[in-house]
Protein backbone atom coordinates (compact mmCIF):
# COMPACT_ATOMS: atom_id res chain seq x y z
CA MET A 1 4.80 4.79 -13.89
CA ARG A 2 1.23 4.59 -14.49
CA ASN A 3 0.90 1.72 -12.58
CA LEU A 4 3.02 3.01 -9.63
CA LEU A 5 0.96 6.20 -9.60
CA SER A 6 -2.42 3.93 -8.90
CA GLN A 7 -0.51 1.78 -6.25
CA GLY A 8 0.35 5.00 -4.35
CA SER A 9 -2.84 6.01 -4.52
CA ILE A 10 -4.52 3.24 -3.12
CA VAL A 11 -1.82 3.22 -0.52
CA ILE A 12 -2.60 6.80 0.33
CA ILE A 13 -6.46 6.63 0.28
CA GLY A 14 -6.30 4.40 3.13
CA LYS A 15 -4.10 6.73 5.50
CA PRO A 16 -6.11 10.10 5.74
CA HIS A 17 -3.43 11.68 7.97
CA LEU A 18 -1.24 11.80 4.90
CA TRP A 19 -3.79 13.29 2.42
CA LYS A 20 -2.58 16.75 3.25
CA VAL A 21 1.05 15.92 2.96
CA ALA A 22 0.39 13.99 -0.41
CA ILE A 23 -1.43 16.71 -2.05
CA THR A 24 1.27 19.19 -1.00
CA GLN A 25 4.24 17.32 -2.21
CA LEU A 26 2.43 16.62 -5.40
CA TRP A 27 1.89 20.33 -6.07
CA ARG A 28 5.74 21.00 -5.22
CA ILE A 29 6.71 18.60 -7.99
CA ARG A 30 4.23 19.92 -10.35
CA GLU A 31 5.30 20.68 -14.27
CA ASN A 32 5.89 24.23 -14.76
CA GLY A 33 3.25 25.66 -17.24
CA TRP A 34 0.83 22.74 -16.38
CA TYR A 35 -2.25 24.81 -17.05
CA LYS A 36 -1.28 25.36 -20.63
CA LYS A 37 -0.87 21.75 -21.72
CA PHE A 38 -4.17 19.07 -21.67
CA PRO A 39 -5.02 17.71 -19.31
CA PHE A 40 -5.10 20.73 -17.24
CA LEU A 41 -3.62 18.80 -14.17
CA PRO A 42 -0.72 19.86 -12.02
CA ALA A 43 0.96 16.57 -12.27
CA PRO A 44 4.78 16.04 -12.48
CA ASN A 45 7.06 15.90 -15.69
CA LYS A 46 7.31 12.10 -16.68
CA LYS A 47 11.03 12.53 -17.37
CA TYR A 48 11.62 13.89 -13.70
CA ILE A 49 9.82 10.96 -12.18
CA ASN A 50 11.70 8.02 -14.45
CA PHE A 51 14.81 10.06 -13.16
CA ARG A 52 13.91 10.18 -9.40
CA LEU A 53 12.96 6.13 -9.76
CA ILE A 54 16.09 5.35 -11.42
CA THR A 55 18.03 7.12 -8.67
CA ALA A 56 16.25 5.69 -5.83
CA TYR A 57 16.06 2.13 -7.08
CA GLY A 58 18.59 1.69 -9.91
CA ASP A 59 17.94 -1.09 -12.28
CA GLU A 60 16.01 -3.16 -9.79
CA GLY A 61 12.70 -1.37 -10.12
CA PRO A 62 10.55 0.24 -7.62
CA GLU A 63 7.69 -2.42 -7.74
CA ASN A 64 8.84 -4.19 -4.42
CA PHE A 65 9.18 -1.11 -2.58
CA PHE A 66 7.31 1.92 -3.92
CA LYS A 67 4.41 1.69 -1.59
CA SER A 68 6.31 1.33 1.81
CA ASP A 69 8.78 3.73 0.63
CA LEU A 70 6.24 6.38 -0.55
CA VAL A 71 4.07 6.09 3.01
CA THR A 72 7.44 6.74 4.79
CA TYR A 73 8.34 9.80 2.56
CA PHE A 74 5.06 11.12 3.47
CA GLU A 75 5.08 10.43 7.12
CA TRP A 76 8.76 12.20 7.08
CA CYS A 77 7.43 15.11 5.41
CA ARG A 78 4.74 15.32 7.99
CA GLY A 79 6.90 14.98 10.88
CA TRP A 80 9.64 17.33 9.35
CA ARG A 81 6.52 19.94 8.87
CA ILE A 82 5.53 19.57 12.31
CA SER A 83 8.60 20.06 14.11
CA SER A 84 9.61 22.79 11.92
CA LYS A 85 6.65 24.96 13.55
């Protein structure tokens, strides 16, 4: 999972128009009580992320699709947010 996080971060760094969306989505899936546990970062629960990856990719693994799917998802979120105003 750590490898996927670094891959996703590298892809998003190259797309400044998605920075705000990425931060917003990360904030929305943060673990409850994140400020009570070290490291004090608003990160999602590992079990939740694993569940989402298995739900999306099954046994195939996300390595081949994760980066493009992440960008597609953030662009969808950005478009949805813009169109809902």
